[in-house]
């Protein structure tokens, strides 16, 4: 199962970031990678990402909307991060992943 999640993670990275570098039209992903906690935790542990921010989020999909619990995980050494939304009791969807995370100091522009 571990290689499958690593493949899914790589696929998600490609789906999100490849369009940024392509000169053609941007294609937005229409599906999220969703897994159980049993599948998610080993991947977060592999990248040594720890929860740093927990918040409620609001998602609109078509005519439906809902409030979800979200958690931002980060490895402060490697600066990688993963944003996860909890869609059901044991269903977690990886919304976005990335690298080069740095805090913004007071007075810096976003």
C-alpha atoms as a PDB file:
ATOM      1  CA  UNK A   1       0.000   0.000   0.000  1.00  0.00           C
ATOM      2  CA  UNK A   2       2.937   2.317   0.713  1.00  0.00           C
ATOM      3  CA  UNK A   3       4.143   2.440  -2.922  1.00  0.00           C
ATOM      4  CA  UNK A   4       0.580   3.178  -4.009  1.00  0.00           C
ATOM      5  CA  UNK A   5       0.342   6.230  -1.722  1.00  0.00           C
ATOM      6  CA  UNK A   6       3.746   7.472  -2.865  1.00  0.00           C
ATOM      7  CA  UNK A   7       2.551   7.110  -6.456  1.00  0.00           C
ATOM      8  CA  UNK A   8      -0.653   8.968  -5.607  1.00  0.00           C
ATOM      9  CA  UNK A   9       1.378  11.718  -3.936  1.00  0.00           C
ATOM     10  CA  UNK A  10       3.597  12.042  -7.007  1.00  0.00           C
ATOM     11  CA  UNK A  11       0.531  12.063  -9.258  1.00  0.00           C
ATOM     12  CA  UNK A  12      -1.007  14.835  -7.172  1.00  0.00           C
ATOM     13  CA  UNK A  13       2.183  16.882  -7.360  1.00  0.00           C
ATOM     14  CA  UNK A  14       2.268  16.436 -11.122  1.00  0.00           C
ATOM     15  CA  UNK A  15      -1.422  17.297 -11.486  1.00  0.00           C
ATOM     16  CA  UNK A  16      -1.064  20.495  -9.464  1.00  0.00           C
ATOM     17  CA  UNK A  17       2.310  21.793 -10.600  1.00  0.00           C
ATOM     18  CA  UNK A  18       2.845  20.631 -14.180  1.00  0.00           C
ATOM     19  CA  UNK A  19       0.282  23.110 -15.551  1.00  0.00           C
ATOM     20  CA  UNK A  20       2.216  25.951 -13.945  1.00  0.00           C
ATOM     21  CA  UNK A  21       5.225  25.165 -16.102  1.00  0.00           C
ATOM     22  CA  UNK A  22       3.438  24.279 -19.316  1.00  0.00           C
ATOM     23  CA  UNK A  23       2.861  26.961 -21.909  1.00  0.00           C
ATOM     24  CA  UNK A  24      -0.530  25.552 -22.861  1.00  0.00           C
ATOM     25  CA  UNK A  25      -3.903  26.010 -21.176  1.00  0.00           C
ATOM     26  CA  UNK A  26      -4.012  25.308 -17.448  1.00  0.00           C
ATOM     27  CA  UNK A  27      -5.868  22.116 -16.588  1.00  0.00           C
ATOM     28  CA  UNK A  28      -7.354  21.909 -13.115  1.00  0.00           C
ATOM     29  CA  UNK A  29      -7.636  18.521 -11.382  1.00  0.00           C
ATOM     30  CA  UNK A  30     -11.201  17.376 -10.814  1.00  0.00           C
ATOM     31  CA  UNK A  31     -10.553  14.560  -8.361  1.00  0.00           C
ATOM     32  CA  UNK A  32      -8.855  14.494  -4.977  1.00  0.00           C
ATOM     33  CA  UNK A  33      -6.779  11.694  -3.507  1.00  0.00           C
ATOM     34  CA  UNK A  34      -8.845  10.393  -0.564  1.00  0.00           C
ATOM     35  CA  UNK A  35      -7.701   7.717   1.870  1.00  0.00           C
ATOM     36  CA  UNK A  36      -8.324   6.365   5.364  1.00  0.00           C
ATOM     37  CA  UNK A  37      -6.262   7.496   8.358  1.00  0.00           C
ATOM     38  CA  UNK A  38      -4.524   4.111   8.261  1.00  0.00           C
ATOM     39  CA  UNK A  39      -3.307   4.926   4.737  1.00  0.00           C
ATOM     40  CA  UNK A  40      -2.566   8.627   5.304  1.00  0.00           C
ATOM     41  CA  UNK A  41      -0.526   8.509   8.519  1.00  0.00           C
ATOM     42  CA  UNK A  42       2.381   6.403   7.148  1.00  0.00           C
ATOM     43  CA  UNK A  43       2.873   8.838   4.261  1.00  0.00           C
ATOM     44  CA  UNK A  44       2.906  11.849   6.594  1.00  0.00           C
ATOM     45  CA  UNK A  45       5.350   9.975   8.842  1.00  0.00           C
ATOM     46  CA  UNK A  46       7.577   9.098   5.872  1.00  0.00           C
ATOM     47  CA  UNK A  47       7.949  12.797   5.058  1.00  0.00           C
ATOM     48  CA  UNK A  48       8.086  13.649   8.794  1.00  0.00           C
ATOM     49  CA  UNK A  49       5.276  16.161   8.415  1.00  0.00           C
ATOM     50  CA  UNK A  50       3.575  17.168  11.662  1.00  0.00           C
ATOM     51  CA  UNK A  51       0.285  19.048  12.134  1.00  0.00           C
ATOM     52  CA  UNK A  52       0.937  22.780  12.487  1.00  0.00           C
ATOM     53  CA  UNK A  53      -2.462  24.333  11.779  1.00  0.00           C
ATOM     54  CA  UNK A  54      -6.003  23.014  12.286  1.00  0.00           C
ATOM     55  CA  UNK A  55      -9.007  24.940  10.978  1.00  0.00           C
ATOM     56  CA  UNK A  56     -12.546  24.697   9.655  1.00  0.00           C
ATOM     57  CA  UNK A  57     -12.921  25.099   5.925  1.00  0.00           C
ATOM     58  CA  UNK A  58     -15.865  25.636   3.626  1.00  0.00           C
ATOM     59  CA  UNK A  59     -16.075  23.758   0.344  1.00  0.00           C
ATOM     60  CA  UNK A  60     -18.528  24.267  -2.495  1.00  0.00           C
ATOM     61  CA  UNK A  61     -18.856  21.435  -5.021  1.00  0.00           C
ATOM     62  CA  UNK A  62     -21.522  22.013  -7.651  1.00  0.00           C
ATOM     63  CA  UNK A  63     -24.713  22.872  -5.782  1.00  0.00           C
ATOM     64  CA  UNK A  64     -23.536  21.283  -2.535  1.00  0.00           C
ATOM     65  CA  UNK A  65     -21.569  22.914   0.214  1.00  0.00           C
ATOM     66  CA  UNK A  66     -20.249  21.859   3.566  1.00  0.00           C
ATOM     67  CA  UNK A  67     -17.925  22.627   6.429  1.00  0.00           C
ATOM     68  CA  UNK A  68     -14.892  20.409   6.776  1.00  0.00           C
ATOM     69  CA  UNK A  69     -12.100  20.029   9.291  1.00  0.00           C
ATOM     70  CA  UNK A  70      -8.718  20.785   7.687  1.00  0.00           C
ATOM     71  CA  UNK A  71      -5.169  20.240   8.902  1.00  0.00           C
ATOM     72  CA  UNK A  72      -1.928  21.607   7.469  1.00  0.00           C
ATOM     73  CA  UNK A  73       1.030  19.268   8.034  1.00  0.00           C
ATOM     74  CA  UNK A  74       4.618  20.459   7.597  1.00  0.00           C
ATOM     75  CA  UNK A  75       8.200  19.353   7.948  1.00  0.00           C
ATOM     76  CA  UNK A  76      10.115  22.465   9.084  1.00  0.00           C
ATOM     77  CA  UNK A  77      13.465  20.956   8.084  1.00  0.00           C
ATOM     78  CA  UNK A  78      12.661  19.968   4.500  1.00  0.00           C
ATOM     79  CA  UNK A  79       9.928  22.638   4.171  1.00  0.00           C
ATOM     80  CA  UNK A  80       7.445  20.187   2.617  1.00  0.00           C
ATOM     81  CA  UNK A  81       3.754  20.439   3.485  1.00  0.00           C
ATOM     82  CA  UNK A  82       0.441  18.653   2.952  1.00  0.00           C
ATOM     83  CA  UNK A  83      -3.064  20.108   3.294  1.00  0.00           C
ATOM     84  CA  UNK A  84      -5.700  17.526   4.261  1.00  0.00           C
ATOM     85  CA  UNK A  85      -9.492  17.844   4.600  1.00  0.00           C
ATOM     86  CA  UNK A  86     -11.576  15.374   6.581  1.00  0.00           C
ATOM     87  CA  UNK A  87     -14.667  14.540   4.508  1.00  0.00           C
ATOM     88  CA  UNK A  88     -16.112  11.771   6.695  1.00  0.00           C
ATOM     89  CA  UNK A  89     -15.321   9.938   9.916  1.00  0.00           C
ATOM     90  CA  UNK A  90     -12.426   8.040   8.306  1.00  0.00           C
ATOM     91  CA  UNK A  91     -12.054   9.698   4.913  1.00  0.00           C
ATOM     92  CA  UNK A  92      -9.240  12.191   4.444  1.00  0.00           C
ATOM     93  CA  UNK A  93      -8.620  13.999   1.161  1.00  0.00           C
ATOM     94  CA  UNK A  94      -5.269  15.496   0.210  1.00  0.00           C
ATOM     95  CA  UNK A  95      -6.141  18.927  -1.137  1.00  0.00           C
ATOM     96  CA  UNK A  96      -2.649  20.132  -1.937  1.00  0.00           C
ATOM     97  CA  UNK A  97       1.012  19.361  -1.277  1.00  0.00           C
ATOM     98  CA  UNK A  98       4.086  21.454  -1.741  1.00  0.00           C
ATOM     99  CA  UNK A  99       7.569  22.493  -0.748  1.00  0.00           C
ATOM    100  CA  UNK A 100       9.609  25.539   0.230  1.00  0.00           C
ATOM    101  CA  UNK A 101       7.224  26.580   3.026  1.00  0.00           C
ATOM    102  CA  UNK A 102       8.490  29.563   4.975  1.00  0.00           C
ATOM    103  CA  UNK A 103       6.848  31.812   7.545  1.00  0.00           C
ATOM    104  CA  UNK A 104       5.994  35.336   6.493  1.00  0.00           C
ATOM    105  CA  UNK A 105       7.556  37.836   8.874  1.00  0.00           C
ATOM    106  CA  UNK A 106       5.604  40.881  10.050  1.00  0.00           C
ATOM    107  CA  UNK A 107       5.754  43.628   7.451  1.00  0.00           C
ATOM    108  CA  UNK A 108       6.509  41.312   4.507  1.00  0.00           C
ATOM    109  CA  UNK A 109       4.125  41.369   1.583  1.00  0.00           C
ATOM    110  CA  UNK A 110       2.345  38.204   0.527  1.00  0.00           C
END
